[in-house]
C-alpha atoms as a PDB file:
ATOM      1  CA  MET A   1     134.455  28.134  71.897  1.00  0.00           C
ATOM      2  CA  LYS A   2     137.117  27.894  74.583  1.00  0.00           C
ATOM      3  CA  LYS A   3     139.197  30.566  72.828  1.00  0.00           C
ATOM      4  CA  ILE A   4     136.182  32.895  72.631  1.00  0.00           C
ATOM      5  CA  ALA A   5     135.529  32.454  76.342  1.00  0.00           C
ATOM      6  CA  THR A   6     139.179  33.239  77.056  1.00  0.00           C
ATOM      7  CA  TYR A   7     138.996  36.432  75.012  1.00  0.00           C
ATOM      8  CA  VAL A   8     135.798  37.481  76.775  1.00  0.00           C
ATOM      9  CA  VAL A   9     137.336  36.966  80.213  1.00  0.00           C
ATOM     10  CA  LEU A  10     140.490  38.872  79.203  1.00  0.00           C
ATOM     11  CA  ALA A  11     138.411  41.686  77.722  1.00  0.00           C
ATOM     12  CA  LEU A  12     136.374  42.015  80.922  1.00  0.00           C
ATOM     13  CA  ALA A  13     139.525  41.965  83.054  1.00  0.00           C
ATOM     14  CA  SER A  14     141.096  44.649  80.845  1.00  0.00           C
ATOM     15  CA  LEU A  15     137.959  46.773  81.043  1.00  0.00           C
ATOM     16  CA  LEU A  16     137.833  46.543  84.830  1.00  0.00           C
ATOM     17  CA  THR A  17     141.513  47.476  85.018  1.00  0.00           C
ATOM     18  CA  LEU A  18     141.335  50.384  82.570  1.00  0.00           C
ATOM     19  CA  ALA A  19     137.960  51.787  83.629  1.00  0.00           C
ATOM     20  CA  PRO A  20     139.336  53.882  86.563  1.00  0.00           C
ATOM     21  CA  VAL A  21     142.131  55.250  84.365  1.00  0.00           C
ATOM     22  CA  ILE A  22     139.735  56.144  81.548  1.00  0.00           C
ATOM     23  CA  TRP A  23     137.350  57.769  84.021  1.00  0.00           C
ATOM     24  CA  THR A  24     140.220  59.801  85.499  1.00  0.00           C
ATOM     25  CA  VAL A  25     141.317  61.072  82.087  1.00  0.00           C
ATOM     26  CA  LEU A  26     137.770  61.950  80.996  1.00  0.00           C
ATOM     27  CA  SER A  27     136.865  63.569  84.306  1.00  0.00           C
ATOM     28  CA  SER A  28     139.980  65.746  84.147  1.00  0.00           C
ATOM     29  CA  MET A  29     138.493  67.263  80.981  1.00  0.00           C
ATOM     30  CA  ARG A  30     135.188  68.253  82.589  1.00  0.00           C
ATOM     31  CA  PRO A  31     134.334  71.942  82.991  1.00  0.00           C
ATOM     32  CA  PRO A  32     134.957  73.140  86.573  1.00  0.00           C
ATOM     33  CA  ALA A  33     131.224  73.540  87.268  1.00  0.00           C
ATOM     34  CA  GLU A  34     130.430  70.053  86.001  1.00  0.00           C
ATOM     35  CA  SER A  35     133.311  68.487  87.955  1.00  0.00           C
ATOM     36  CA  LEU A  36     131.515  69.260  91.220  1.00  0.00           C
ATOM     37  CA  SER A  37     128.438  67.308  90.216  1.00  0.00           C
ATOM     38  CA  ALA A  38     127.970  63.870  91.700  1.00  0.00           C
ATOM     39  CA  ASP A  39     125.743  62.354  89.049  1.00  0.00           C
ATOM     40  CA  GLY A  40     128.271  59.580  88.389  1.00  0.00           C
ATOM     41  CA  SER A  41     128.269  60.101  84.626  1.00  0.00           C
ATOM     42  CA  PHE A  42     131.220  58.460  82.888  1.00  0.00           C
ATOM     43  CA  ILE A  43     131.510  60.686  79.805  1.00  0.00           C
ATOM     44  CA  PRO A  44     131.537  64.490  80.264  1.00  0.00           C
ATOM     45  CA  THR A  45     128.930  66.488  78.365  1.00  0.00           C
ATOM     46  CA  SER A  46     131.668  68.824  77.079  1.00  0.00           C
ATOM     47  CA  LEU A  47     135.446  68.790  77.049  1.00  0.00           C
ATOM     48  CA  ASP A  48     137.406  71.505  78.819  1.00  0.00           C
ATOM     49  CA  LEU A  49     141.203  71.435  79.144  1.00  0.00           C
ATOM     50  CA  SER A  50     141.395  74.459  81.435  1.00  0.00           C
ATOM     51  CA  SER A  51     142.115  72.215  84.415  1.00  0.00           C
ATOM     52  CA  TYR A  52     145.583  71.363  83.108  1.00  0.00           C
ATOM     53  CA  PRO A  53     146.950  74.937  83.111  1.00  0.00           C
ATOM     54  CA  ALA A  54     145.229  75.388  86.487  1.00  0.00           C
ATOM     55  CA  VAL A  55     147.414  72.639  87.947  1.00  0.00           C
ATOM     56  CA  PHE A  56     150.575  74.618  87.168  1.00  0.00           C
ATOM     57  CA  GLU A  57     148.993  77.788  88.556  1.00  0.00           C
ATOM     58  CA  GLU A  58     147.969  76.292  91.899  1.00  0.00           C
ATOM     59  CA  VAL A  59     151.136  74.302  92.700  1.00  0.00           C
ATOM     60  CA  ASP A  60     154.788  74.538  91.709  1.00  0.00           C
ATOM     61  CA  MET A  61     154.447  71.606  89.329  1.00  0.00           C
ATOM     62  CA  TRP A  62     157.919  71.871  87.810  1.00  0.00           C
ATOM     63  CA  LEU A  63     159.570  71.710  91.236  1.00  0.00           C
ATOM     64  CA  LEU A  64     157.467  68.677  92.169  1.00  0.00           C
ATOM     65  CA  ILE A  65     158.394  66.960  88.906  1.00  0.00           C
ATOM     66  CA  LEU A  66     162.087  67.788  89.398  1.00  0.00           C
ATOM     67  CA  ASN A  67     162.078  66.392  92.934  1.00  0.00           C
ATOM     68  CA  SER A  68     160.306  63.229  91.818  1.00  0.00           C
ATOM     69  CA  VAL A  69     162.686  62.735  88.893  1.00  0.00           C
ATOM     70  CA  LEU A  70     165.771  63.182  91.081  1.00  0.00           C
ATOM     71  CA  VAL A  71     164.525  60.884  93.829  1.00  0.00           C
ATOM     72  CA  THR A  72     163.136  58.190  91.538  1.00  0.00           C
ATOM     73  CA  VAL A  73     166.031  58.049  89.066  1.00  0.00           C
ATOM     74  CA  ILE A  74     168.706  57.950  91.790  1.00  0.00           C
ATOM     75  CA  ILE A  75     166.799  55.232  93.668  1.00  0.00           C
ATOM     76  CA  ALA A  76     166.307  53.187  90.490  1.00  0.00           C
ATOM     77  CA  VAL A  77     169.977  53.409  89.505  1.00  0.00           C
ATOM     78  CA  GLY A  78     171.076  52.755  93.086  1.00  0.00           C
ATOM     79  CA  GLN A  79     168.885  49.669  93.348  1.00  0.00           C
ATOM     80  CA  MET A  80     170.161  48.351  90.020  1.00  0.00           C
ATOM     81  CA  LEU A  81     173.785  48.643  91.133  1.00  0.00           C
ATOM     82  CA  SER A  82     173.367  47.503  94.744  1.00  0.00           C
ATOM     83  CA  SER A  83     171.130  44.542  93.888  1.00  0.00           C
ATOM     84  CA  ALA A  84     173.462  43.442  91.095  1.00  0.00           C
ATOM     85  CA  MET A  85     176.515  43.444  93.353  1.00  0.00           C
ATOM     86  CA  ALA A  86     174.708  41.837  96.300  1.00  0.00           C
ATOM     87  CA  GLY A  87     173.064  39.236  94.080  1.00  0.00           C
ATOM     88  CA  TYR A  88     176.400  38.373  92.482  1.00  0.00           C
ATOM     89  CA  VAL A  89     178.025  37.847  95.877  1.00  0.00           C
ATOM     90  CA  PHE A  90     175.242  35.534  97.045  1.00  0.00           C
ATOM     91  CA  ALA A  91     175.273  33.621  93.751  1.00  0.00           C
ATOM     92  CA  ARG A  92     179.016  33.184  93.186  1.00  0.00           C
ATOM     93  CA  PHE A  93     180.844  33.467  96.530  1.00  0.00           C
ATOM     94  CA  GLU A  94     180.934  31.056  99.445  1.00  0.00           C
ATOM     95  CA  PHE A  95     181.345  32.422 102.974  1.00  0.00           C
ATOM     96  CA  ARG A  96     180.238  31.502 106.455  1.00  0.00           C
ATOM     97  CA  GLY A  97     176.665  32.418 107.249  1.00  0.00           C
ATOM     98  CA  LYS A  98     175.741  33.150 103.628  1.00  0.00           C
ATOM     99  CA  ASN A  99     172.457  31.264 103.685  1.00  0.00           C
ATOM    100  CA  LEU A 100     171.447  32.745 107.036  1.00  0.00           C
ATOM    101  CA  LEU A 101     172.256  36.270 105.867  1.00  0.00           C
ATOM    102  CA  PHE A 102     170.311  35.760 102.654  1.00  0.00           C
ATOM    103  CA  ALA A 103     167.349  34.397 104.626  1.00  0.00           C
ATOM    104  CA  LEU A 104     167.411  37.479 106.870  1.00  0.00           C
ATOM    105  CA  ILE A 105     167.423  39.749 103.814  1.00  0.00           C
ATOM    106  CA  LEU A 106     164.428  37.917 102.385  1.00  0.00           C
ATOM    107  CA  ALA A 107     162.675  38.118 105.759  1.00  0.00           C
ATOM    108  CA  THR A 108     162.708  41.915 105.542  1.00  0.00           C
ATOM    109  CA  MET A 109     160.274  41.632 102.621  1.00  0.00           C
ATOM    110  CA  MET A 110     157.641  40.387 105.071  1.00  0.00           C
ATOM    111  CA  VAL A 111     158.000  43.384 107.391  1.00  0.00           C
ATOM    112  CA  PRO A 112     155.516  46.179 106.521  1.00  0.00           C
ATOM    113  CA  MET A 113     156.937  49.613 105.841  1.00  0.00           C
ATOM    114  CA  GLN A 114     154.711  51.049 108.568  1.00  0.00           C
ATOM    115  CA  VAL A 115     156.677  49.002 111.119  1.00  0.00           C
ATOM    116  CA  THR A 116     160.113  50.253 110.064  1.00  0.00           C
ATOM    117  CA  ILE A 117     159.257  53.867 109.232  1.00  0.00           C
ATOM    118  CA  VAL A 118     159.798  55.090 112.822  1.00  0.00           C
ATOM    119  CA  PRO A 119     163.304  53.567 113.215  1.00  0.00           C
ATOM    120  CA  VAL A 120     164.177  54.850 109.732  1.00  0.00           C
ATOM    121  CA  PHE A 121     162.979  58.325 110.679  1.00  0.00           C
ATOM    122  CA  MET A 122     165.068  58.268 113.884  1.00  0.00           C
ATOM    123  CA  LEU A 123     168.174  57.232 111.938  1.00  0.00           C
ATOM    124  CA  ILE A 124     167.576  59.894 109.300  1.00  0.00           C
ATOM    125  CA  ARG A 125     167.133  62.559 111.977  1.00  0.00           C
ATOM    126  CA  GLY A 126     170.292  61.382 113.732  1.00  0.00           C
ATOM    127  CA  MET A 127     172.188  61.852 110.457  1.00  0.00           C
ATOM    128  CA  ASN A 128     170.769  65.409 110.114  1.00  0.00           C
ATOM    129  CA  LEU A 129     169.059  64.431 106.863  1.00  0.00           C
ATOM    130  CA  ALA A 130     165.472  64.997 107.982  1.00  0.00           C
ATOM    131  CA  ASP A 131     163.335  66.934 105.505  1.00  0.00           C
ATOM    132  CA  THR A 132     165.760  66.421 102.618  1.00  0.00           C
ATOM    133  CA  LEU A 133     165.610  64.476  99.390  1.00  0.00           C
ATOM    134  CA  LEU A 134     168.417  62.250 100.704  1.00  0.00           C
ATOM    135  CA  ALA A 135     166.017  61.106 103.423  1.00  0.00           C
ATOM    136  CA  LEU A 136     163.918  59.574 100.650  1.00  0.00           C
ATOM    137  CA  ILE A 137     166.817  58.236  98.597  1.00  0.00           C
ATOM    138  CA  LEU A 138     169.246  56.546 100.996  1.00  0.00           C
ATOM    139  CA  PRO A 139     166.849  54.163 102.818  1.00  0.00           C
ATOM    140  CA  ALA A 140     165.352  53.007  99.507  1.00  0.00           C
ATOM    141  CA  ILE A 141     168.575  51.965  97.746  1.00  0.00           C
ATOM    142  CA  PRO A 142     168.970  48.567  99.500  1.00  0.00           C
ATOM    143  CA  THR A 143     166.342  46.224  98.102  1.00  0.00           C
ATOM    144  CA  ALA A 144     165.651  42.681  99.268  1.00  0.00           C
ATOM    145  CA  PHE A 145     163.536  41.872  96.214  1.00  0.00           C
ATOM    146  CA  GLY A 146     166.207  43.167  93.831  1.00  0.00           C
ATOM    147  CA  THR A 147     168.889  41.161  95.635  1.00  0.00           C
ATOM    148  CA  PHE A 148     166.802  38.005  95.369  1.00  0.00           C
ATOM    149  CA  LEU A 149     165.995  38.627  91.707  1.00  0.00           C
ATOM    150  CA  MET A 150     169.612  39.288  90.719  1.00  0.00           C
ATOM    151  CA  ARG A 151     170.868  36.303  92.722  1.00  0.00           C
ATOM    152  CA  GLN A 152     168.531  34.035  90.793  1.00  0.00           C
ATOM    153  CA  TYR A 153     169.574  35.687  87.545  1.00  0.00           C
ATOM    154  CA  PHE A 154     173.296  35.242  88.190  1.00  0.00           C
ATOM    155  CA  MET A 155     172.746  31.629  89.223  1.00  0.00           C
ATOM    156  CA  GLY A 156     171.285  31.032  85.774  1.00  0.00           C
ATOM    157  CA  LEU A 157     174.433  32.278  84.025  1.00  0.00           C
ATOM    158  CA  PRO A 158     177.219  29.791  83.153  1.00  0.00           C
ATOM    159  CA  VAL A 159     179.782  29.306  85.917  1.00  0.00           C
ATOM    160  CA  GLU A 160     182.402  28.466  83.270  1.00  0.00           C
ATOM    161  CA  LEU A 161     182.604  32.118  82.234  1.00  0.00           C
ATOM    162  CA  GLY A 162     183.882  33.127  85.651  1.00  0.00           C
ATOM    163  CA  GLU A 163     186.237  30.173  85.845  1.00  0.00           C
ATOM    164  CA  ALA A 164     187.759  31.055  82.480  1.00  0.00           C
ATOM    165  CA  ALA A 165     188.211  34.674  83.561  1.00  0.00           C
ATOM    166  CA  GLU A 166     189.866  33.543  86.796  1.00  0.00           C
ATOM    167  CA  ILE A 167     192.304  31.368  84.853  1.00  0.00           C
ATOM    168  CA  ASP A 168     193.178  34.391  82.716  1.00  0.00           C
ATOM    169  CA  GLY A 169     194.015  36.316  85.879  1.00  0.00           C
ATOM    170  CA  ALA A 170     190.904  38.488  86.157  1.00  0.00           C
ATOM    171  CA  SER A 171     190.054  39.766  89.629  1.00  0.00           C
ATOM    172  CA  PRO A 172     186.606  39.103  91.126  1.00  0.00           C
ATOM    173  CA  TRP A 173     185.596  42.711  90.430  1.00  0.00           C
ATOM    174  CA  ARG A 174     186.816  42.505  86.829  1.00  0.00           C
ATOM    175  CA  THR A 175     184.933  39.240  86.344  1.00  0.00           C
ATOM    176  CA  PHE A 176     181.770  40.825  87.642  1.00  0.00           C
ATOM    177  CA  SER A 177     182.001  44.161  85.839  1.00  0.00           C
ATOM    178  CA  SER A 178     183.294  42.897  82.480  1.00  0.00           C
ATOM    179  CA  ILE A 179     181.576  39.520  82.115  1.00  0.00           C
ATOM    180  CA  TYR A 180     178.581  38.929  84.361  1.00  0.00           C
ATOM    181  CA  ALA A 181     177.200  42.471  84.732  1.00  0.00           C
ATOM    182  CA  PRO A 182     176.711  42.992  80.963  1.00  0.00           C
ATOM    183  CA  LEU A 183     174.965  39.618  80.717  1.00  0.00           C
ATOM    184  CA  ALA A 184     172.705  40.549  83.629  1.00  0.00           C
ATOM    185  CA  THR A 185     171.552  43.834  82.071  1.00  0.00           C
ATOM    186  CA  PRO A 186     167.990  42.558  81.456  1.00  0.00           C
ATOM    187  CA  GLY A 187     167.674  41.568  85.098  1.00  0.00           C
ATOM    188  CA  MET A 188     169.012  44.941  86.224  1.00  0.00           C
ATOM    189  CA  ALA A 189     166.528  46.629  83.894  1.00  0.00           C
ATOM    190  CA  ILE A 190     163.680  44.788  85.627  1.00  0.00           C
ATOM    191  CA  VAL A 191     164.852  46.096  88.988  1.00  0.00           C
ATOM    192  CA  GLY A 192     165.161  49.632  87.612  1.00  0.00           C
ATOM    193  CA  ILE A 193     161.751  49.691  85.923  1.00  0.00           C
ATOM    194  CA  LEU A 194     159.935  48.269  88.943  1.00  0.00           C
ATOM    195  CA  ALA A 195     161.768  50.660  91.271  1.00  0.00           C
ATOM    196  CA  PHE A 196     160.901  53.646  89.079  1.00  0.00           C
ATOM    197  CA  ASN A 197     157.208  52.803  88.890  1.00  0.00           C
ATOM    198  CA  TYR A 198     156.978  52.139  92.632  1.00  0.00           C
ATOM    199  CA  HIS A 199     158.862  55.157  93.933  1.00  0.00           C
ATOM    200  CA  TRP A 200     157.414  57.567  91.366  1.00  0.00           C
ATOM    201  CA  ASN A 201     153.980  56.911  92.882  1.00  0.00           C
ATOM    202  CA  GLU A 202     155.161  56.629  96.487  1.00  0.00           C
ATOM    203  CA  PHE A 203     153.200  58.696  98.984  1.00  0.00           C
ATOM    204  CA  PHE A 204     153.717  57.289 102.486  1.00  0.00           C
ATOM    205  CA  ARG A 205     157.471  57.804 102.961  1.00  0.00           C
ATOM    206  CA  PRO A 206     157.517  61.382 101.577  1.00  0.00           C
ATOM    207  CA  LEU A 207     154.586  62.177 103.866  1.00  0.00           C
ATOM    208  CA  ILE A 208     156.572  61.075 106.933  1.00  0.00           C
ATOM    209  CA  LEU A 209     160.118  62.105 106.009  1.00  0.00           C
ATOM    210  CA  THR A 210     159.570  65.522 104.403  1.00  0.00           C
ATOM    211  CA  ILE A 211     157.969  68.663 105.813  1.00  0.00           C
ATOM    212  CA  SER A 212     158.950  71.564 103.548  1.00  0.00           C
ATOM    213  CA  GLU A 213     156.977  72.003 100.339  1.00  0.00           C
ATOM    214  CA  GLN A 214     160.233  72.552  98.451  1.00  0.00           C
ATOM    215  CA  ASN A 215     161.115  68.890  99.145  1.00  0.00           C
ATOM    216  CA  PHE A 216     157.725  67.440  98.261  1.00  0.00           C
ATOM    217  CA  THR A 217     157.527  64.845  95.514  1.00  0.00           C
ATOM    218  CA  LEU A 218     154.730  64.794  92.953  1.00  0.00           C
ATOM    219  CA  PRO A 219     152.215  62.495  94.734  1.00  0.00           C
ATOM    220  CA  LEU A 220     152.538  64.469  97.971  1.00  0.00           C
ATOM    221  CA  GLY A 221     152.408  67.865  96.293  1.00  0.00           C
ATOM    222  CA  LEU A 222     149.234  67.018  94.394  1.00  0.00           C
ATOM    223  CA  VAL A 223     147.358  66.686  97.683  1.00  0.00           C
ATOM    224  CA  SER A 224     147.339  70.488  97.984  1.00  0.00           C
ATOM    225  CA  LEU A 225     145.171  70.641  94.861  1.00  0.00           C
ATOM    226  CA  GLN A 226     142.277  69.341  96.960  1.00  0.00           C
ATOM    227  CA  GLY A 227     142.137  72.659  98.788  1.00  0.00           C
ATOM    228  CA  ASN A 228     140.909  73.238 102.328  1.00  0.00           C
ATOM    229  CA  MET A 229     138.378  70.616 103.424  1.00  0.00           C
ATOM    230  CA  GLY A 230     138.427  69.123  99.937  1.00  0.00           C
ATOM    231  CA  THR A 231     136.867  72.207  98.317  1.00  0.00           C
ATOM    232  CA  GLY A 232     139.220  72.216  95.317  1.00  0.00           C
ATOM    233  CA  SER A 233     138.096  71.442  91.800  1.00  0.00           C
ATOM    234  CA  VAL A 234     137.841  67.708  91.197  1.00  0.00           C
ATOM    235  CA  ALA A 235     138.818  68.205  87.559  1.00  0.00           C
ATOM    236  CA  THR A 236     141.998  70.051  88.595  1.00  0.00           C
ATOM    237  CA  VAL A 237     142.961  67.291  91.020  1.00  0.00           C
ATOM    238  CA  LEU A 238     142.415  64.631  88.371  1.00  0.00           C
ATOM    239  CA  ALA A 239     144.339  66.682  85.806  1.00  0.00           C
ATOM    240  CA  GLY A 240     147.305  66.631  88.191  1.00  0.00           C
ATOM    241  CA  VAL A 241     146.896  62.870  88.566  1.00  0.00           C
ATOM    242  CA  VAL A 242     146.917  62.422  84.786  1.00  0.00           C
ATOM    243  CA  ILE A 243     150.088  64.509  84.460  1.00  0.00           C
ATOM    244  CA  SER A 244     151.771  62.437  87.169  1.00  0.00           C
ATOM    245  CA  MET A 245     150.888  59.210  85.335  1.00  0.00           C
ATOM    246  CA  ILE A 246     152.642  60.194  82.096  1.00  0.00           C
ATOM    247  CA  PRO A 247     156.301  59.484  83.108  1.00  0.00           C
ATOM    248  CA  ALA A 248     155.494  56.080  84.613  1.00  0.00           C
ATOM    249  CA  PHE A 249     153.421  55.236  81.533  1.00  0.00           C
ATOM    250  CA  LEU A 250     156.283  56.187  79.196  1.00  0.00           C
ATOM    251  CA  VAL A 251     158.797  54.166  81.218  1.00  0.00           C
ATOM    252  CA  PHE A 252     156.560  51.118  80.959  1.00  0.00           C
ATOM    253  CA  VAL A 253     155.857  51.601  77.243  1.00  0.00           C
ATOM    254  CA  PHE A 254     159.506  51.917  76.288  1.00  0.00           C
ATOM    255  CA  GLY A 255     160.719  49.405  78.878  1.00  0.00           C
ATOM    256  CA  GLN A 256     158.123  46.662  78.462  1.00  0.00           C
ATOM    257  CA  ARG A 257     160.212  44.779  75.900  1.00  0.00           C
ATOM    258  CA  THR A 258     163.214  44.766  78.212  1.00  0.00           C
ATOM    259  CA  LEU A 259     160.955  43.831  81.122  1.00  0.00           C
ATOM    260  CA  ARG A 260     159.421  40.948  79.189  1.00  0.00           C
ATOM    261  CA  GLU A 261     162.792  39.668  77.965  1.00  0.00           C
ATOM    262  CA  GLY A 262     164.267  39.866  81.447  1.00  0.00           C
ATOM    263  CA  LEU A 263     161.385  38.006  83.051  1.00  0.00           C
ATOM    264  CA  THR A 264     161.506  35.197  80.476  1.00  0.00           C
ATOM    265  CA  ALA A 265     165.292  34.987  80.099  1.00  0.00           C
ATOM    266  CA  GLY A 266     165.629  32.253  82.687  1.00  0.00           C
ATOM    267  CA  SER A 267     163.295  29.939  80.790  1.00  0.00           C
ATOM    268  CA  HIS A 268     165.689  29.760  77.810  1.00  0.00           C
ATOM    269  CA  ARG A 269     168.652  28.506  79.772  1.00  0.00           C
END
């Protein structure tokens, strides 16, 4: 009986989570005339895929996808590398003020992005990078969460490996790159997957830091599908949303095993 109740609760939670996604997919297949109706029906009376080609006709979808891919992939790779190196330093090296510095890095996680966006914008403008893709990439590469995660991951790896490498004459960089970094690949994958999913769907920073449509990312560019005063086709807007969900969905599908292994790796040590 307890197992049945557990399954029922999980099924309800899954339904509540998936219901908006299912509604979005089904509503994107409504005919344009039906998409304007507000009857609240869940299943369309007929399926019409004309909204998907309309997305590519109304906005430069390929440019938006290219910008999002460039920004998201570079940020994900940059966070993987920077968090791995920073986490390794905090886990394996001793220096004055280490704990205070690490505490300050963690404290930045409690500061809302809305508080720091103005100073970031001023710095970006001072570097003559305003309204460029680099304005989105550079401030996002340092990651407090990734540094914390990789520090904990490296602390779970055997110290004897580094000591043996040091006895053999390996430099600190060689010890990191040849021994610890390969062992920390699952942890780095977690950072990369989470960074990809977050920044692929990011809307606030591109809204503030970019002006030209040629530098818009996918979430920001899809806003133009709404038309003036929200008069655009609802089905076309939702079709654009469905298209934007596909890359993040594929990354999660193919990366969920690595994500699961990385999150549970510490429990086996």
